[in-house]
Amino acid sequence: MAREAARWVGPFAQSFPAVRMELVEVVAAADKVAGYFTCSGTQRGAWRGNPPTGRRFENVDEIYIFRVEDGKLDSAVAVVEDNLTRMGQLGLTP
């Protein structure tokens, strides 16, 4: 899972170096764990082909569902991010 996450997290962290994710809720059932987060940050680097805006997005909803194996997060099963709201707050068009 570390490599999988690094492919996404690395470029995002370069675009939003002081990103903050706040855990709102965690739900676990069988071999799955779901986390609901809100995310905030300021765009300091290029993101999705858009140059840095210097603008900030606040409290964008994100949900991650992970599969658990041997007591550890094994792989991301699903990721849902409200990028439409994020882009709107940054002044970007989808």
PDB file of N, CA and C in Angstrom:
ATOM      1  N   MET A   1       0.820  -1.189   0.000  1.00  0.00           N
ATOM      2  CA  MET A   1       0.000   0.000   0.000  1.00  0.00           C
ATOM      3  C   MET A   1       0.864   1.253   0.000  1.00  0.00           C
ATOM      4  N   ALA A   2       2.038   1.208   0.576  1.00  0.00           N
ATOM      5  CA  ALA A   2       2.894   2.390   0.662  1.00  0.00           C
ATOM      6  C   ALA A   2       3.230   2.944  -0.724  1.00  0.00           C
ATOM      7  N   ARG A   3       3.570   2.088  -1.661  1.00  0.00           N
ATOM      8  CA  ARG A   3       3.889   2.560  -3.018  1.00  0.00           C
ATOM      9  C   ARG A   3       2.659   3.145  -3.697  1.00  0.00           C
ATOM     10  N   GLU A   4       1.540   2.461  -3.507  1.00  0.00           N
ATOM     11  CA  GLU A   4       0.267   2.918  -4.072  1.00  0.00           C
ATOM     12  C   GLU A   4      -0.044   4.334  -3.574  1.00  0.00           C
ATOM     13  N   ALA A   5       0.067   4.533  -2.274  1.00  0.00           N
ATOM     14  CA  ALA A   5      -0.224   5.836  -1.674  1.00  0.00           C
ATOM     15  C   ALA A   5       0.798   6.882  -2.097  1.00  0.00           C
ATOM     16  N   ALA A   6       2.065   6.512  -2.177  1.00  0.00           N
ATOM     17  CA  ALA A   6       3.121   7.465  -2.535  1.00  0.00           C
ATOM     18  C   ALA A   6       2.924   8.052  -3.925  1.00  0.00           C
ATOM     19  N   ARG A   7       2.374   7.271  -4.845  1.00  0.00           N
ATOM     20  CA  ARG A   7       2.138   7.784  -6.213  1.00  0.00           C
ATOM     21  C   ARG A   7       1.140   8.934  -6.215  1.00  0.00           C
ATOM     22  N   TRP A   8       0.206   8.921  -5.278  1.00  0.00           N
ATOM     23  CA  TRP A   8      -0.790   9.979  -5.201  1.00  0.00           C
ATOM     24  C   TRP A   8      -0.384  11.055  -4.203  1.00  0.00           C
ATOM     25  N   VAL A   9       0.054  10.645  -3.033  1.00  0.00           N
ATOM     26  CA  VAL A   9       0.345  11.583  -1.954  1.00  0.00           C
ATOM     27  C   VAL A   9       1.531  12.485  -2.296  1.00  0.00           C
ATOM     28  N   GLY A  10       2.580  11.943  -2.889  1.00  0.00           N
ATOM     29  CA  GLY A  10       3.774  12.738  -3.211  1.00  0.00           C
ATOM     30  C   GLY A  10       3.467  13.966  -4.053  1.00  0.00           C
ATOM     31  N   PRO A  11       2.870  13.796  -5.236  1.00  0.00           N
ATOM     32  CA  PRO A  11       2.547  14.963  -6.064  1.00  0.00           C
ATOM     33  C   PRO A  11       1.560  15.917  -5.394  1.00  0.00           C
ATOM     34  N   PHE A  12       0.584  15.390  -4.668  1.00  0.00           N
ATOM     35  CA  PHE A  12      -0.384  16.253  -3.981  1.00  0.00           C
ATOM     36  C   PHE A  12       0.328  17.077  -2.915  1.00  0.00           C
ATOM     37  N   ALA A  13       1.233  16.461  -2.158  1.00  0.00           N
ATOM     38  CA  ALA A  13       1.974  17.162  -1.108  1.00  0.00           C
ATOM     39  C   ALA A  13       2.895  18.231  -1.692  1.00  0.00           C
ATOM     40  N   GLN A  14       3.392  18.038  -2.907  1.00  0.00           N
ATOM     41  CA  GLN A  14       4.205  19.069  -3.557  1.00  0.00           C
ATOM     42  C   GLN A  14       3.331  20.258  -3.950  1.00  0.00           C
ATOM     43  N   SER A  15       2.104  20.000  -4.360  1.00  0.00           N
ATOM     44  CA  SER A  15       1.184  21.069  -4.742  1.00  0.00           C
ATOM     45  C   SER A  15       0.635  21.801  -3.523  1.00  0.00           C
ATOM     46  N   PHE A  16       0.420  21.059  -2.439  1.00  0.00           N
ATOM     47  CA  PHE A  16      -0.170  21.601  -1.209  1.00  0.00           C
ATOM     48  C   PHE A  16       0.718  21.194  -0.029  1.00  0.00           C
ATOM     49  N   PRO A  17       1.894  21.829   0.123  1.00  0.00           N
ATOM     50  CA  PRO A  17       2.881  21.348   1.098  1.00  0.00           C
ATOM     51  C   PRO A  17       2.437  21.403   2.563  1.00  0.00           C
ATOM     52  N   ALA A  18       1.499  22.256   2.919  1.00  0.00           N
ATOM     53  CA  ALA A  18       1.049  22.340   4.309  1.00  0.00           C
ATOM     54  C   ALA A  18      -0.375  21.814   4.440  1.00  0.00           C
ATOM     55  N   VAL A  19      -0.713  20.811   3.637  1.00  0.00           N
ATOM     56  CA  VAL A  19      -2.069  20.257   3.667  1.00  0.00           C
ATOM     57  C   VAL A  19      -2.388  19.719   5.062  1.00  0.00           C
ATOM     58  N   ARG A  20      -3.645  19.880   5.441  1.00  0.00           N
ATOM     59  CA  ARG A  20      -4.075  19.385   6.754  1.00  0.00           C
ATOM     60  C   ARG A  20      -5.319  18.520   6.554  1.00  0.00           C
ATOM     61  N   MET A  21      -5.259  17.321   7.113  1.00  0.00           N
ATOM     62  CA  MET A  21      -6.411  16.421   7.056  1.00  0.00           C
ATOM     63  C   MET A  21      -6.879  16.185   8.483  1.00  0.00           C
ATOM     64  N   GLU A  22      -8.175  16.406   8.689  1.00  0.00           N
ATOM     65  CA  GLU A  22      -8.757  16.199  10.003  1.00  0.00           C
ATOM     66  C   GLU A  22      -9.690  15.000   9.950  1.00  0.00           C
ATOM     67  N   LEU A  23      -9.448  14.043  10.820  1.00  0.00           N
ATOM     68  CA  LEU A  23     -10.283  12.855  10.884  1.00  0.00           C
ATOM     69  C   LEU A  23     -11.614  13.199  11.542  1.00  0.00           C
ATOM     70  N   VAL A  24     -12.708  12.921  10.842  1.00  0.00           N
ATOM     71  CA  VAL A  24     -14.046  13.208  11.345  1.00  0.00           C
ATOM     72  C   VAL A  24     -14.661  11.948  11.950  1.00  0.00           C
ATOM     73  N   GLU A  25     -14.496  10.813  11.244  1.00  0.00           N
ATOM     74  CA  GLU A  25     -15.117   9.566  11.714  1.00  0.00           C
ATOM     75  C   GLU A  25     -14.414   8.360  11.101  1.00  0.00           C
ATOM     76  N   VAL A  26     -14.383   7.267  11.859  1.00  0.00           N
ATOM     77  CA  VAL A  26     -13.847   5.988  11.385  1.00  0.00           C
ATOM     78  C   VAL A  26     -14.889   4.918  11.651  1.00  0.00           C
ATOM     79  N   VAL A  27     -15.094   4.056  10.647  1.00  0.00           N
ATOM     80  CA  VAL A  27     -16.022   2.939  10.780  1.00  0.00           C
ATOM     81  C   VAL A  27     -15.302   1.687  10.297  1.00  0.00           C
ATOM     82  N   ALA A  28     -15.405   0.609  11.057  1.00  0.00           N
ATOM     83  CA  ALA A  28     -14.758  -0.641  10.687  1.00  0.00           C
ATOM     84  C   ALA A  28     -15.778  -1.770  10.694  1.00  0.00           C
ATOM     85  N   ALA A  29     -15.650  -2.644   9.704  1.00  0.00           N
ATOM     86  CA  ALA A  29     -16.504  -3.831   9.623  1.00  0.00           C
ATOM     87  C   ALA A  29     -15.743  -4.915   8.867  1.00  0.00           C
ATOM     88  N   ALA A  30     -15.710  -6.091   9.455  1.00  0.00           N
ATOM     89  CA  ALA A  30     -15.024  -7.234   8.841  1.00  0.00           C
ATOM     90  C   ALA A  30     -13.588  -6.841   8.487  1.00  0.00           C
ATOM     91  N   ASP A  31     -13.237  -6.916   7.204  1.00  0.00           N
ATOM     92  CA  ASP A  31     -11.863  -6.614   6.795  1.00  0.00           C
ATOM     93  C   ASP A  31     -11.740  -5.248   6.121  1.00  0.00           C
ATOM     94  N   LYS A  32     -12.667  -4.321   6.429  1.00  0.00           N
ATOM     95  CA  LYS A  32     -12.644  -2.980   5.833  1.00  0.00           C
ATOM     96  C   LYS A  32     -12.657  -1.915   6.924  1.00  0.00           C
ATOM     97  N   VAL A  33     -11.968  -0.815   6.653  1.00  0.00           N
ATOM     98  CA  VAL A  33     -11.979   0.365   7.511  1.00  0.00           C
ATOM     99  C   VAL A  33     -12.255   1.563   6.628  1.00  0.00           C
ATOM    100  N   ALA A  34     -13.228   2.387   7.023  1.00  0.00           N
ATOM    101  CA  ALA A  34     -13.545   3.602   6.277  1.00  0.00           C
ATOM    102  C   ALA A  34     -13.225   4.801   7.154  1.00  0.00           C
ATOM    103  N   GLY A  35     -12.579   5.783   6.554  1.00  0.00           N
ATOM    104  CA  GLY A  35     -12.277   7.021   7.262  1.00  0.00           C
ATOM    105  C   GLY A  35     -12.874   8.202   6.521  1.00  0.00           C
ATOM    106  N   TYR A  36     -13.555   9.074   7.259  1.00  0.00           N
ATOM    107  CA  TYR A  36     -14.105  10.302   6.706  1.00  0.00           C
ATOM    108  C   TYR A  36     -13.252  11.442   7.237  1.00  0.00           C
ATOM    109  N   PHE A  37     -12.703  12.239   6.322  1.00  0.00           N
ATOM    110  CA  PHE A  37     -11.796  13.333   6.656  1.00  0.00           C
ATOM    111  C   PHE A  37     -12.298  14.634   6.034  1.00  0.00           C
ATOM    112  N   THR A  38     -11.835  15.747   6.579  1.00  0.00           N
ATOM    113  CA  THR A  38     -11.922  17.012   5.860  1.00  0.00           C
ATOM    114  C   THR A  38     -10.485  17.452   5.606  1.00  0.00           C
ATOM    115  N   CYS A  39     -10.275  18.074   4.473  1.00  0.00           N
ATOM    116  CA  CYS A  39      -8.931  18.417   4.029  1.00  0.00           C
ATOM    117  C   CYS A  39      -8.877  19.919   3.709  1.00  0.00           C
ATOM    118  N   SER A  40      -7.773  20.573   4.092  1.00  0.00           N
ATOM    119  CA  SER A  40      -7.573  21.994   3.818  1.00  0.00           C
ATOM    120  C   SER A  40      -6.121  22.211   3.403  1.00  0.00           C
ATOM    121  N   GLY A  41      -5.883  23.190   2.548  1.00  0.00           N
ATOM    122  CA  GLY A  41      -4.513  23.492   2.141  1.00  0.00           C
ATOM    123  C   GLY A  41      -4.452  24.671   1.190  1.00  0.00           C
ATOM    124  N   THR A  42      -3.231  25.149   0.962  1.00  0.00           N
ATOM    125  CA  THR A  42      -2.972  26.258   0.050  1.00  0.00           C
ATOM    126  C   THR A  42      -2.161  25.743  -1.125  1.00  0.00           C
ATOM    127  N   GLN A  43      -2.585  26.064  -2.336  1.00  0.00           N
ATOM    128  CA  GLN A  43      -1.905  25.577  -3.538  1.00  0.00           C
ATOM    129  C   GLN A  43      -0.620  26.362  -3.782  1.00  0.00           C
ATOM    130  N   ARG A  44       0.510  25.693  -3.588  1.00  0.00           N
ATOM    131  CA  ARG A  44       1.829  26.295  -3.779  1.00  0.00           C
ATOM    132  C   ARG A  44       2.565  25.733  -4.992  1.00  0.00           C
ATOM    133  N   GLY A  45       2.024  24.666  -5.572  1.00  0.00           N
ATOM    134  CA  GLY A  45       2.641  24.051  -6.746  1.00  0.00           C
ATOM    135  C   GLY A  45       1.570  23.698  -7.763  1.00  0.00           C
ATOM    136  N   ALA A  46       1.997  23.275  -8.948  1.00  0.00           N
ATOM    137  CA  ALA A  46       1.052  22.890 -10.001  1.00  0.00           C
ATOM    138  C   ALA A  46       0.219  21.707  -9.538  1.00  0.00           C
ATOM    139  N   TRP A  47      -1.054  21.716  -9.916  1.00  0.00           N
ATOM    140  CA  TRP A  47      -1.963  20.624  -9.560  1.00  0.00           C
ATOM    141  C   TRP A  47      -2.924  20.401 -10.710  1.00  0.00           C
ATOM    142  N   ARG A  48      -2.977  19.161 -11.192  1.00  0.00           N
ATOM    143  CA  ARG A  48      -3.856  18.788 -12.304  1.00  0.00           C
ATOM    144  C   ARG A  48      -3.667  19.702 -13.508  1.00  0.00           C
ATOM    145  N   GLY A  49      -2.417  20.051 -13.786  1.00  0.00           N
ATOM    146  CA  GLY A  49      -2.098  20.875 -14.941  1.00  0.00           C
ATOM    147  C   GLY A  49      -2.333  22.360 -14.740  1.00  0.00           C
ATOM    148  N   ASN A  50      -2.707  22.762 -13.545  1.00  0.00           N
ATOM    149  CA  ASN A  50      -2.940  24.173 -13.244  1.00  0.00           C
ATOM    150  C   ASN A  50      -1.763  24.742 -12.459  1.00  0.00           C
ATOM    151  N   PRO A  51      -1.286  25.922 -12.837  1.00  0.00           N
ATOM    152  CA  PRO A  51      -0.187  26.538 -12.091  1.00  0.00           C
ATOM    153  C   PRO A  51      -0.628  26.915 -10.680  1.00  0.00           C
ATOM    154  N   PRO A  52       0.313  27.131  -9.778  1.00  0.00           N
ATOM    155  CA  PRO A  52      -0.029  27.503  -8.409  1.00  0.00           C
ATOM    156  C   PRO A  52      -0.903  28.759  -8.374  1.00  0.00           C
ATOM    157  N   THR A  53      -1.937  28.720  -7.554  1.00  0.00           N
ATOM    158  CA  THR A  53      -2.829  29.877  -7.421  1.00  0.00           C
ATOM    159  C   THR A  53      -2.531  30.686  -6.169  1.00  0.00           C
ATOM    160  N   GLY A  54      -1.901  30.043  -5.180  1.00  0.00           N
ATOM    161  CA  GLY A  54      -1.696  30.703  -3.897  1.00  0.00           C
ATOM    162  C   GLY A  54      -2.987  30.779  -3.085  1.00  0.00           C
ATOM    163  N   ARG A  55      -4.057  30.227  -3.637  1.00  0.00           N
ATOM    164  CA  ARG A  55      -5.351  30.245  -2.951  1.00  0.00           C
ATOM    165  C   ARG A  55      -5.488  29.025  -2.048  1.00  0.00           C
ATOM    166  N   ARG A  56      -6.407  29.131  -1.124  1.00  0.00           N
ATOM    167  CA  ARG A  56      -6.611  28.093  -0.121  1.00  0.00           C
ATOM    168  C   ARG A  56      -7.972  27.426  -0.305  1.00  0.00           C
ATOM    169  N   PHE A  57      -8.017  26.113  -0.064  1.00  0.00           N
ATOM    170  CA  PHE A  57      -9.298  25.405   0.024  1.00  0.00           C
ATOM    171  C   PHE A  57      -9.467  24.972   1.479  1.00  0.00           C
ATOM    172  N   GLU A  58     -10.711  24.910   1.924  1.00  0.00           N
ATOM    173  CA  GLU A  58     -11.011  24.596   3.320  1.00  0.00           C
ATOM    174  C   GLU A  58     -12.072  23.505   3.422  1.00  0.00           C
ATOM    175  N   ASN A  59     -11.834  22.550   4.309  1.00  0.00           N
ATOM    176  CA  ASN A  59     -12.836  21.547   4.708  1.00  0.00           C
ATOM    177  C   ASN A  59     -13.462  20.793   3.541  1.00  0.00           C
ATOM    178  N   VAL A  60     -12.638  20.324   2.640  1.00  0.00           N
ATOM    179  CA  VAL A  60     -13.117  19.505   1.522  1.00  0.00           C
ATOM    180  C   VAL A  60     -13.280  18.071   2.017  1.00  0.00           C
ATOM    181  N   ASP A  61     -14.429  17.475   1.735  1.00  0.00           N
ATOM    182  CA  ASP A  61     -14.726  16.120   2.196  1.00  0.00           C
ATOM    183  C   ASP A  61     -13.941  15.069   1.412  1.00  0.00           C
ATOM    184  N   GLU A  62     -13.423  14.087   2.146  1.00  0.00           N
ATOM    185  CA  GLU A  62     -12.722  12.950   1.549  1.00  0.00           C
ATOM    186  C   GLU A  62     -13.095  11.700   2.339  1.00  0.00           C
ATOM    187  N   ILE A  63     -13.296  10.599   1.619  1.00  0.00           N
ATOM    188  CA  ILE A  63     -13.600   9.315   2.255  1.00  0.00           C
ATOM    189  C   ILE A  63     -12.660   8.267   1.668  1.00  0.00           C
ATOM    190  N   TYR A  64     -12.033   7.504   2.533  1.00  0.00           N
ATOM    191  CA  TYR A  64     -11.130   6.438   2.115  1.00  0.00           C
ATOM    192  C   TYR A  64     -11.610   5.128   2.723  1.00  0.00           C
ATOM    193  N   ILE A  65     -11.621   4.088   1.918  1.00  0.00           N
ATOM    194  CA  ILE A  65     -11.968   2.757   2.413  1.00  0.00           C
ATOM    195  C   ILE A  65     -10.761   1.854   2.159  1.00  0.00           C
ATOM    196  N   PHE A  66     -10.290   1.216   3.205  1.00  0.00           N
ATOM    197  CA  PHE A  66      -9.110   0.355   3.126  1.00  0.00           C
ATOM    198  C   PHE A  66      -9.472  -1.073   3.476  1.00  0.00           C
ATOM    199  N   ARG A  67      -8.748  -1.991   2.870  1.00  0.00           N
ATOM    200  CA  ARG A  67      -8.849  -3.400   3.241  1.00  0.00           C
ATOM    201  C   ARG A  67      -7.793  -3.658   4.299  1.00  0.00           C
ATOM    202  N   VAL A  68      -8.158  -4.436   5.313  1.00  0.00           N
ATOM    203  CA  VAL A  68      -7.246  -4.767   6.406  1.00  0.00           C
ATOM    204  C   VAL A  68      -6.826  -6.222   6.284  1.00  0.00           C
ATOM    205  N   GLU A  69      -5.533  -6.456   6.392  1.00  0.00           N
ATOM    206  CA  GLU A  69      -5.008  -7.826   6.382  1.00  0.00           C
ATOM    207  C   GLU A  69      -3.944  -7.947   7.460  1.00  0.00           C
ATOM    208  N   ASP A  70      -4.041  -8.974   8.272  1.00  0.00           N
ATOM    209  CA  ASP A  70      -3.106  -9.205   9.381  1.00  0.00           C
ATOM    210  C   ASP A  70      -2.998  -7.992  10.299  1.00  0.00           C
ATOM    211  N   GLY A  71      -4.110  -7.303  10.526  1.00  0.00           N
ATOM    212  CA  GLY A  71      -4.134  -6.175  11.440  1.00  0.00           C
ATOM    213  C   GLY A  71      -3.555  -4.883  10.903  1.00  0.00           C
ATOM    214  N   LYS A  72      -3.248  -4.847   9.594  1.00  0.00           N
ATOM    215  CA  LYS A  72      -2.654  -3.645   8.990  1.00  0.00           C
ATOM    216  C   LYS A  72      -3.466  -3.227   7.773  1.00  0.00           C
ATOM    217  N   LEU A  73      -3.446  -1.924   7.496  1.00  0.00           N
ATOM    218  CA  LEU A  73      -4.078  -1.446   6.266  1.00  0.00           C
ATOM    219  C   LEU A  73      -3.301  -2.019   5.093  1.00  0.00           C
ATOM    220  N   ASP A  74      -3.999  -2.728   4.213  1.00  0.00           N
ATOM    221  CA  ASP A  74      -3.339  -3.433   3.120  1.00  0.00           C
ATOM    222  C   ASP A  74      -3.441  -2.687   1.794  1.00  0.00           C
ATOM    223  N   SER A  75      -4.621  -2.246   1.451  1.00  0.00           N
ATOM    224  CA  SER A  75      -4.798  -1.567   0.167  1.00  0.00           C
ATOM    225  C   SER A  75      -6.022  -0.662   0.215  1.00  0.00           C
ATOM    226  N   ALA A  76      -5.978   0.366  -0.624  1.00  0.00           N
ATOM    227  CA  ALA A  76      -7.132   1.257  -0.734  1.00  0.00           C
ATOM    228  C   ALA A  76      -8.155   0.590  -1.639  1.00  0.00           C
ATOM    229  N   VAL A  77      -9.357   0.451  -1.147  1.00  0.00           N
ATOM    230  CA  VAL A  77     -10.431  -0.159  -1.913  1.00  0.00           C
ATOM    231  C   VAL A  77     -11.173   0.926  -2.691  1.00  0.00           C
ATOM    232  N   ALA A  78     -11.335   2.084  -2.061  1.00  0.00           N
ATOM    233  CA  ALA A  78     -12.036   3.195  -2.707  1.00  0.00           C
ATOM    234  C   ALA A  78     -11.572   4.508  -2.102  1.00  0.00           C
ATOM    235  N   VAL A  79     -11.541   5.524  -2.931  1.00  0.00           N
ATOM    236  CA  VAL A  79     -11.210   6.875  -2.495  1.00  0.00           C
ATOM    237  C   VAL A  79     -12.231   7.810  -3.132  1.00  0.00           C
ATOM    238  N   VAL A  80     -12.870   8.629  -2.303  1.00  0.00           N
ATOM    239  CA  VAL A  80     -13.834   9.609  -2.799  1.00  0.00           C
ATOM    240  C   VAL A  80     -13.391  10.975  -2.288  1.00  0.00           C
ATOM    241  N   GLU A  81     -13.142  11.901  -3.212  1.00  0.00           N
ATOM    242  CA  GLU A  81     -12.727  13.253  -2.850  1.00  0.00           C
ATOM    243  C   GLU A  81     -13.626  14.254  -3.556  1.00  0.00           C
ATOM    244  N   ASP A  82     -13.994  15.295  -2.856  1.00  0.00           N
ATOM    245  CA  ASP A  82     -14.828  16.339  -3.444  1.00  0.00           C
ATOM    246  C   ASP A  82     -13.939  17.358  -4.165  1.00  0.00           C
ATOM    247  N   ASN A  83     -13.358  16.935  -5.297  1.00  0.00           N
ATOM    248  CA  ASN A  83     -12.462  17.818  -6.038  1.00  0.00           C
ATOM    249  C   ASN A  83     -13.195  18.969  -6.721  1.00  0.00           C
ATOM    250  N   LEU A  84     -14.485  18.827  -6.966  1.00  0.00           N
ATOM    251  CA  LEU A  84     -15.249  19.930  -7.548  1.00  0.00           C
ATOM    252  C   LEU A  84     -15.264  21.119  -6.580  1.00  0.00           C
ATOM    253  N   THR A  85     -15.531  20.852  -5.309  1.00  0.00           N
ATOM    254  CA  THR A  85     -15.489  21.916  -4.301  1.00  0.00           C
ATOM    255  C   THR A  85     -14.076  22.454  -4.157  1.00  0.00           C
ATOM    256  N   ARG A  86     -13.083  21.561  -4.120  1.00  0.00           N
ATOM    257  CA  ARG A  86     -11.685  21.980  -3.978  1.00  0.00           C
ATOM    258  C   ARG A  86     -11.306  22.917  -5.125  1.00  0.00           C
ATOM    259  N   MET A  87     -11.632  22.521  -6.358  1.00  0.00           N
ATOM    260  CA  MET A  87     -11.285  23.344  -7.523  1.00  0.00           C
ATOM    261  C   MET A  87     -12.008  24.688  -7.482  1.00  0.00           C
ATOM    262  N   GLY A  88     -13.268  24.684  -7.068  1.00  0.00           N
ATOM    263  CA  GLY A  88     -14.017  25.933  -6.973  1.00  0.00           C
ATOM    264  C   GLY A  88     -13.385  26.893  -5.981  1.00  0.00           C
ATOM    265  N   GLN A  89     -12.971  26.374  -4.825  1.00  0.00           N
ATOM    266  CA  GLN A  89     -12.345  27.218  -3.817  1.00  0.00           C
ATOM    267  C   GLN A  89     -10.995  27.754  -4.284  1.00  0.00           C
ATOM    268  N   LEU A  90     -10.323  27.002  -5.146  1.00  0.00           N
ATOM    269  CA  LEU A  90      -9.031  27.439  -5.675  1.00  0.00           C
ATOM    270  C   LEU A  90      -9.182  28.357  -6.884  1.00  0.00           C
ATOM    271  N   GLY A  91     -10.414  28.537  -7.353  1.00  0.00           N
ATOM    272  CA  GLY A  91     -10.658  29.389  -8.518  1.00  0.00           C
ATOM    273  C   GLY A  91     -10.336  28.696  -9.835  1.00  0.00           C
ATOM    274  N   LEU A  92     -10.351  27.363  -9.841  1.00  0.00           N
ATOM    275  CA  LEU A  92     -10.031  26.581 -11.026  1.00  0.00           C
ATOM    276  C   LEU A  92     -11.315  26.037 -11.639  1.00  0.00           C
ATOM    277  N   THR A  93     -11.300  25.817 -12.922  1.00  0.00           N
ATOM    278  CA  THR A  93     -12.465  25.221 -13.577  1.00  0.00           C
ATOM    279  C   THR A  93     -12.197  23.745 -13.821  1.00  0.00           C
ATOM    280  N   PRO A  94     -13.226  22.909 -13.618  1.00  0.00           N
ATOM    281  CA  PRO A  94     -13.030  21.460 -13.791  1.00  0.00           C
ATOM    282  C   PRO A  94     -12.843  21.088 -15.248  1.00  0.00           C
TER     283      PRO A  94
END
